[in-house]
Amino acid sequence: MLLKLERGFDKFADAIGNFTAIVIVLMILNVTYDVIMRYFFNTGSIAMQEMEWHLFSVVILLGISYTLKEDGHVRVDLIYDRLTNKKKAKINMVGVVFFILPVALLIGIESIPYVVESFASNEQSGDPGGLPYRWIVKSMIPLSFFLLIITAIGFFIKNLNVYKGLHELDEYNLKGEIENLKNELNQHKHHVVDIDGKGDDK
């Protein structure tokens, strides 16, 4: 039962991650357009420039939830790395209950009036040609923290499963990813050299 719940929450977090990835692509296209228009055609759009930080805000706010699911947030690993999986899981569960959930609930609730005020006043950019409906991007603040609450519950269940011995702790490994990238680059270099006839694969 708990494993099924974990998979359900993981799918939910993955959906957030996929949506965030789409927003990142849109942001890259937006920035590319702005740079081309500014440096090659000596023109630009205030609205498109503002859209950059709107999209960036969405990426950061939604990325919090997906990063928690992947256990990719920065932490000081002087002690944590040396602990057993059960102790790590216990620390993670305590962190969810006493830190993540209270803070996420506080920010989520307290930011709602901020959005309502923006909607009621029809807040828009103060710059001519800027974006209207600023309440849309501001609404991402409470939404993102309510999504964080959901993914935090999934993170708690995942660590509970580890604590109960149902599976191992699947941690985010930045060093491992860097090593994998290095290996892939080296393989690519050897492949290119072999194609050019300048050397052999090693």
C-alpha atoms as a PDB file:
ATOM      1  CA  MET A   1       0.000   0.000   0.000  1.00  0.00           C
ATOM      2  CA  LEU A   2       2.731   2.434   1.006  1.00  0.00           C
ATOM      3  CA  LEU A   3       4.765   1.577  -2.083  1.00  0.00           C
ATOM      4  CA  LYS A   4       1.758   2.297  -4.314  1.00  0.00           C
ATOM      5  CA  LEU A   5       1.258   5.623  -2.539  1.00  0.00           C
ATOM      6  CA  GLU A   6       4.935   6.450  -3.058  1.00  0.00           C
ATOM      7  CA  ARG A   7       4.685   5.709  -6.780  1.00  0.00           C
ATOM      8  CA  GLY A   8       1.566   7.868  -7.049  1.00  0.00           C
ATOM      9  CA  PHE A   9       3.256  10.839  -5.382  1.00  0.00           C
ATOM     10  CA  ASP A  10       6.368  10.302  -7.541  1.00  0.00           C
ATOM     11  CA  LYS A  11       4.246  10.441 -10.702  1.00  0.00           C
ATOM     12  CA  PHE A  12       2.672  13.660  -9.471  1.00  0.00           C
ATOM     13  CA  ALA A  13       6.111  15.192  -8.817  1.00  0.00           C
ATOM     14  CA  ASP A  14       7.348  13.967 -12.207  1.00  0.00           C
ATOM     15  CA  ALA A  15       4.421  15.748 -13.874  1.00  0.00           C
ATOM     16  CA  ILE A  16       5.491  18.963 -12.145  1.00  0.00           C
ATOM     17  CA  GLY A  17       9.057  18.351 -13.317  1.00  0.00           C
ATOM     18  CA  ASN A  18       7.935  17.779 -16.922  1.00  0.00           C
ATOM     19  CA  PHE A  19       5.885  20.971 -16.904  1.00  0.00           C
ATOM     20  CA  THR A  20       8.834  22.883 -15.436  1.00  0.00           C
ATOM     21  CA  ALA A  21      11.070  21.515 -18.195  1.00  0.00           C
ATOM     22  CA  ILE A  22       8.644  22.891 -20.809  1.00  0.00           C
ATOM     23  CA  VAL A  23       8.710  26.287 -19.088  1.00  0.00           C
ATOM     24  CA  ILE A  24      12.539  26.221 -19.161  1.00  0.00           C
ATOM     25  CA  VAL A  25      12.462  25.657 -22.930  1.00  0.00           C
ATOM     26  CA  LEU A  26      10.004  28.549 -23.345  1.00  0.00           C
ATOM     27  CA  MET A  27      12.256  30.753 -21.224  1.00  0.00           C
ATOM     28  CA  ILE A  28      15.305  29.874 -23.361  1.00  0.00           C
ATOM     29  CA  LEU A  29      13.372  30.695 -26.537  1.00  0.00           C
ATOM     30  CA  ASN A  30      12.187  33.942 -24.948  1.00  0.00           C
ATOM     31  CA  VAL A  31      15.729  34.993 -23.994  1.00  0.00           C
ATOM     32  CA  THR A  32      17.052  33.999 -27.444  1.00  0.00           C
ATOM     33  CA  TYR A  33      14.390  36.133 -29.128  1.00  0.00           C
ATOM     34  CA  ASP A  34      15.179  39.126 -26.883  1.00  0.00           C
ATOM     35  CA  VAL A  35      18.920  38.873 -27.535  1.00  0.00           C
ATOM     36  CA  ILE A  36      18.482  38.569 -31.309  1.00  0.00           C
ATOM     37  CA  MET A  37      16.059  41.507 -31.476  1.00  0.00           C
ATOM     38  CA  ARG A  38      18.233  43.693 -29.265  1.00  0.00           C
ATOM     39  CA  TYR A  39      21.663  43.055 -30.794  1.00  0.00           C
ATOM     40  CA  PHE A  40      20.813  42.352 -34.429  1.00  0.00           C
ATOM     41  CA  PHE A  41      17.781  44.572 -35.020  1.00  0.00           C
ATOM     42  CA  ASN A  42      18.337  47.207 -32.322  1.00  0.00           C
ATOM     43  CA  THR A  43      14.794  46.813 -31.033  1.00  0.00           C
ATOM     44  CA  GLY A  44      12.932  44.849 -28.398  1.00  0.00           C
ATOM     45  CA  SER A  45       9.750  44.333 -26.452  1.00  0.00           C
ATOM     46  CA  ILE A  46       9.258  45.346 -22.813  1.00  0.00           C
ATOM     47  CA  ALA A  47       6.616  42.638 -22.481  1.00  0.00           C
ATOM     48  CA  MET A  48       8.966  39.927 -23.751  1.00  0.00           C
ATOM     49  CA  GLN A  49      11.731  41.137 -21.430  1.00  0.00           C
ATOM     50  CA  GLU A  50       9.367  40.977 -18.461  1.00  0.00           C
ATOM     51  CA  MET A  51       8.253  37.531 -19.578  1.00  0.00           C
ATOM     52  CA  GLU A  52      11.819  36.339 -18.933  1.00  0.00           C
ATOM     53  CA  TRP A  53      11.596  36.871 -15.183  1.00  0.00           C
ATOM     54  CA  HIS A  54       7.972  35.691 -15.123  1.00  0.00           C
ATOM     55  CA  LEU A  55       9.020  32.359 -16.629  1.00  0.00           C
ATOM     56  CA  PHE A  56      12.127  32.216 -14.442  1.00  0.00           C
ATOM     57  CA  SER A  57       9.915  32.684 -11.366  1.00  0.00           C
ATOM     58  CA  VAL A  58       7.724  29.788 -12.473  1.00  0.00           C
ATOM     59  CA  VAL A  59      10.772  27.559 -12.976  1.00  0.00           C
ATOM     60  CA  ILE A  60      12.152  28.335  -9.509  1.00  0.00           C
ATOM     61  CA  LEU A  61       8.843  28.026  -7.673  1.00  0.00           C
ATOM     62  CA  LEU A  62       7.727  24.790  -9.330  1.00  0.00           C
ATOM     63  CA  GLY A  63      11.245  23.375  -9.327  1.00  0.00           C
ATOM     64  CA  ILE A  64      11.202  23.297  -5.515  1.00  0.00           C
ATOM     65  CA  SER A  65       8.707  20.417  -5.486  1.00  0.00           C
ATOM     66  CA  TYR A  66      10.434  18.316  -8.135  1.00  0.00           C
ATOM     67  CA  THR A  67      13.848  18.860  -6.552  1.00  0.00           C
ATOM     68  CA  LEU A  68      12.510  17.613  -3.221  1.00  0.00           C
ATOM     69  CA  LYS A  69      11.201  14.474  -4.909  1.00  0.00           C
ATOM     70  CA  GLU A  70      14.684  13.903  -6.379  1.00  0.00           C
ATOM     71  CA  ASP A  71      16.293  14.769  -3.008  1.00  0.00           C
ATOM     72  CA  GLY A  72      18.433  17.280  -4.872  1.00  0.00           C
ATOM     73  CA  HIS A  73      18.367  20.230  -2.478  1.00  0.00           C
ATOM     74  CA  VAL A  74      21.698  21.446  -1.148  1.00  0.00           C
ATOM     75  CA  ARG A  75      22.598  20.098   2.269  1.00  0.00           C
ATOM     76  CA  VAL A  76      25.721  20.004   4.415  1.00  0.00           C
ATOM     77  CA  ASP A  77      26.771  16.353   4.273  1.00  0.00           C
ATOM     78  CA  LEU A  78      29.465  16.277   6.955  1.00  0.00           C
ATOM     79  CA  ILE A  79      27.426  13.930   9.157  1.00  0.00           C
ATOM     80  CA  TYR A  80      24.476  12.855   6.988  1.00  0.00           C
ATOM     81  CA  ASP A  81      26.615  10.998   4.431  1.00  0.00           C
ATOM     82  CA  ARG A  82      28.063   8.712   7.117  1.00  0.00           C
ATOM     83  CA  LEU A  83      24.713   7.593   8.515  1.00  0.00           C
ATOM     84  CA  THR A  84      22.829   4.410   7.685  1.00  0.00           C
ATOM     85  CA  ASN A  85      19.843   4.561   5.336  1.00  0.00           C
ATOM     86  CA  LYS A  86      17.426   4.150   8.256  1.00  0.00           C
ATOM     87  CA  LYS A  87      18.936   7.098  10.119  1.00  0.00           C
ATOM     88  CA  LYS A  88      18.926   9.201   6.958  1.00  0.00           C
ATOM     89  CA  ALA A  89      15.266   8.340   6.408  1.00  0.00           C
ATOM     90  CA  LYS A  90      14.467   9.294  10.007  1.00  0.00           C
ATOM     91  CA  ILE A  91      16.189  12.676   9.589  1.00  0.00           C
ATOM     92  CA  ASN A  92      14.319  13.289   6.331  1.00  0.00           C
ATOM     93  CA  MET A  93      10.965  12.488   7.946  1.00  0.00           C
ATOM     94  CA  VAL A  94      11.678  14.798  10.880  1.00  0.00           C
ATOM     95  CA  GLY A  95      12.676  17.526   8.408  1.00  0.00           C
ATOM     96  CA  VAL A  96       9.392  17.146   6.529  1.00  0.00           C
ATOM     97  CA  VAL A  97       7.225  17.330   9.667  1.00  0.00           C
ATOM     98  CA  PHE A  98       9.023  20.087  11.552  1.00  0.00           C
ATOM     99  CA  PHE A  99      10.510  22.225   8.773  1.00  0.00           C
ATOM    100  CA  ILE A 100       9.095  21.738   5.278  1.00  0.00           C
ATOM    101  CA  LEU A 101       5.377  21.388   6.064  1.00  0.00           C
ATOM    102  CA  PRO A 102       5.102  24.290   8.583  1.00  0.00           C
ATOM    103  CA  VAL A 103       7.076  26.696   6.379  1.00  0.00           C
ATOM    104  CA  ALA A 104       5.252  25.677   3.190  1.00  0.00           C
ATOM    105  CA  LEU A 105       1.865  25.982   4.897  1.00  0.00           C
ATOM    106  CA  LEU A 106       2.758  29.382   6.364  1.00  0.00           C
ATOM    107  CA  ILE A 107       3.998  30.854   3.072  1.00  0.00           C
ATOM    108  CA  GLY A 108       1.181  29.257   1.076  1.00  0.00           C
ATOM    109  CA  ILE A 109      -1.568  30.704   3.280  1.00  0.00           C
ATOM    110  CA  GLU A 110       0.037  34.081   3.962  1.00  0.00           C
ATOM    111  CA  SER A 111       0.717  34.738   0.265  1.00  0.00           C
ATOM    112  CA  ILE A 112      -2.932  34.313  -0.788  1.00  0.00           C
ATOM    113  CA  PRO A 113      -3.994  37.870   0.250  1.00  0.00           C
ATOM    114  CA  TYR A 114      -1.014  39.146  -1.740  1.00  0.00           C
ATOM    115  CA  VAL A 115      -2.462  37.498  -4.867  1.00  0.00           C
ATOM    116  CA  VAL A 116      -6.050  38.586  -4.112  1.00  0.00           C
ATOM    117  CA  GLU A 117      -4.927  42.204  -3.737  1.00  0.00           C
ATOM    118  CA  SER A 118      -3.058  42.027  -7.049  1.00  0.00           C
ATOM    119  CA  PHE A 119      -6.142  40.558  -8.764  1.00  0.00           C
ATOM    120  CA  ALA A 120      -8.564  43.099  -7.221  1.00  0.00           C
ATOM    121  CA  SER A 121      -6.419  46.048  -8.270  1.00  0.00           C
ATOM    122  CA  ASN A 122      -5.767  44.559 -11.725  1.00  0.00           C
ATOM    123  CA  GLU A 123      -2.042  45.043 -11.115  1.00  0.00           C
ATOM    124  CA  GLN A 124       0.089  45.339 -14.207  1.00  0.00           C
ATOM    125  CA  SER A 125       3.559  46.421 -15.221  1.00  0.00           C
ATOM    126  CA  GLY A 126       4.513  50.006 -14.479  1.00  0.00           C
ATOM    127  CA  ASP A 127       6.444  50.201 -17.750  1.00  0.00           C
ATOM    128  CA  PRO A 128       4.746  51.195 -21.021  1.00  0.00           C
ATOM    129  CA  GLY A 129       4.186  48.069 -23.103  1.00  0.00           C
ATOM    130  CA  GLY A 130       4.708  45.800 -20.106  1.00  0.00           C
ATOM    131  CA  LEU A 131       2.678  42.740 -19.180  1.00  0.00           C
ATOM    132  CA  PRO A 132      -0.799  43.021 -17.640  1.00  0.00           C
ATOM    133  CA  TYR A 133      -2.389  40.582 -15.155  1.00  0.00           C
ATOM    134  CA  ARG A 134       0.574  40.418 -12.795  1.00  0.00           C
ATOM    135  CA  TRP A 135      -1.601  38.434 -10.385  1.00  0.00           C
ATOM    136  CA  ILE A 136      -1.043  35.380 -12.603  1.00  0.00           C
ATOM    137  CA  VAL A 137       2.666  35.126 -11.828  1.00  0.00           C
ATOM    138  CA  LYS A 138       2.058  36.092  -8.185  1.00  0.00           C
ATOM    139  CA  SER A 139      -0.464  33.260  -7.849  1.00  0.00           C
ATOM    140  CA  MET A 140       2.418  30.869  -8.467  1.00  0.00           C
ATOM    141  CA  ILE A 141       3.683  31.617  -4.939  1.00  0.00           C
ATOM    142  CA  PRO A 142       0.837  29.978  -2.964  1.00  0.00           C
ATOM    143  CA  LEU A 143       0.334  27.347  -5.670  1.00  0.00           C
ATOM    144  CA  SER A 144       3.978  26.272  -5.586  1.00  0.00           C
ATOM    145  CA  PHE A 145       4.020  25.902  -1.804  1.00  0.00           C
ATOM    146  CA  PHE A 146       0.788  23.911  -1.776  1.00  0.00           C
ATOM    147  CA  LEU A 147       2.342  21.652  -4.415  1.00  0.00           C
ATOM    148  CA  LEU A 148       5.399  21.426  -2.159  1.00  0.00           C
ATOM    149  CA  ILE A 149       3.165  20.202   0.680  1.00  0.00           C
ATOM    150  CA  ILE A 150       1.870  17.401  -1.555  1.00  0.00           C
ATOM    151  CA  THR A 151       5.340  16.355  -2.713  1.00  0.00           C
ATOM    152  CA  ALA A 152       6.644  16.631   0.863  1.00  0.00           C
ATOM    153  CA  ILE A 153       4.023  14.083   1.940  1.00  0.00           C
ATOM    154  CA  GLY A 154       5.250  11.825  -0.876  1.00  0.00           C
ATOM    155  CA  PHE A 155       8.838  12.385   0.272  1.00  0.00           C
ATOM    156  CA  PHE A 156       7.822  11.443   3.821  1.00  0.00           C
ATOM    157  CA  ILE A 157       6.167   8.229   2.581  1.00  0.00           C
ATOM    158  CA  LYS A 158       9.242   7.361   0.499  1.00  0.00           C
ATOM    159  CA  ASN A 159      11.499   7.716   3.539  1.00  0.00           C
ATOM    160  CA  LEU A 160       9.017   5.800   5.696  1.00  0.00           C
ATOM    161  CA  ASN A 161       9.294   2.947   3.202  1.00  0.00           C
ATOM    162  CA  VAL A 162      13.084   3.106   3.493  1.00  0.00           C
ATOM    163  CA  TYR A 163      12.832   3.104   7.290  1.00  0.00           C
ATOM    164  CA  LYS A 164      10.552   0.051   7.153  1.00  0.00           C
ATOM    165  CA  GLY A 165      13.074  -1.680   4.864  1.00  0.00           C
ATOM    166  CA  LEU A 166      10.783  -1.834   1.828  1.00  0.00           C
ATOM    167  CA  HIS A 167      13.497  -0.414  -0.445  1.00  0.00           C
ATOM    168  CA  GLU A 168      16.865   1.322  -0.328  1.00  0.00           C
ATOM    169  CA  LEU A 169      17.328   5.077  -0.146  1.00  0.00           C
ATOM    170  CA  ASP A 170      17.642   6.442  -3.665  1.00  0.00           C
ATOM    171  CA  GLU A 171      19.644   9.607  -3.160  1.00  0.00           C
ATOM    172  CA  TYR A 172      20.521  12.348  -5.596  1.00  0.00           C
ATOM    173  CA  ASN A 173      24.192  11.899  -6.486  1.00  0.00           C
ATOM    174  CA  LEU A 174      25.717  15.026  -8.018  1.00  0.00           C
ATOM    175  CA  LYS A 175      29.240  13.615  -7.981  1.00  0.00           C
ATOM    176  CA  GLY A 176      28.026  10.517  -9.779  1.00  0.00           C
ATOM    177  CA  GLU A 177      26.291  12.598 -12.439  1.00  0.00           C
ATOM    178  CA  ILE A 178      29.460  14.630 -13.009  1.00  0.00           C
ATOM    179  CA  GLU A 179      31.496  11.437 -13.390  1.00  0.00           C
ATOM    180  CA  ASN A 180      28.926  10.026 -15.835  1.00  0.00           C
ATOM    181  CA  LEU A 181      29.089  13.218 -17.900  1.00  0.00           C
ATOM    182  CA  LYS A 182      32.897  13.063 -17.949  1.00  0.00           C
ATOM    183  CA  ASN A 183      32.794   9.453 -19.121  1.00  0.00           C
ATOM    184  CA  GLU A 184      30.285  10.274 -21.853  1.00  0.00           C
ATOM    185  CA  LEU A 185      32.436  13.193 -23.056  1.00  0.00           C
ATOM    186  CA  ASN A 186      35.543  11.011 -23.127  1.00  0.00           C
ATOM    187  CA  GLN A 187      33.704   8.320 -25.103  1.00  0.00           C
ATOM    188  CA  HIS A 188      32.467  10.959 -27.526  1.00  0.00           C
ATOM    189  CA  LYS A 189      36.017  12.307 -28.009  1.00  0.00           C
ATOM    190  CA  HIS A 190      37.384   8.839 -28.713  1.00  0.00           C
ATOM    191  CA  HIS A 191      34.529   8.200 -31.146  1.00  0.00           C
ATOM    192  CA  VAL A 192      35.212  11.443 -33.025  1.00  0.00           C
ATOM    193  CA  VAL A 193      38.943  10.702 -33.179  1.00  0.00           C
ATOM    194  CA  ASP A 194      38.236   7.233 -34.547  1.00  0.00           C
ATOM    195  CA  ILE A 195      35.926   8.615 -37.238  1.00  0.00           C
ATOM    196  CA  ASP A 196      38.536  11.150 -38.315  1.00  0.00           C
ATOM    197  CA  GLY A 197      41.137   8.384 -38.580  1.00  0.00           C
ATOM    198  CA  LYS A 198      43.401  10.082 -36.056  1.00  0.00           C
ATOM    199  CA  GLY A 199      43.352   7.398 -33.447  1.00  0.00           C
ATOM    200  CA  ASP A 200      41.732   4.304 -32.071  1.00  0.00           C
ATOM    201  CA  ASP A 201      39.101   3.848 -29.422  1.00  0.00           C
ATOM    202  CA  LYS A 202      40.526   3.174 -26.019  1.00  0.00           C
END
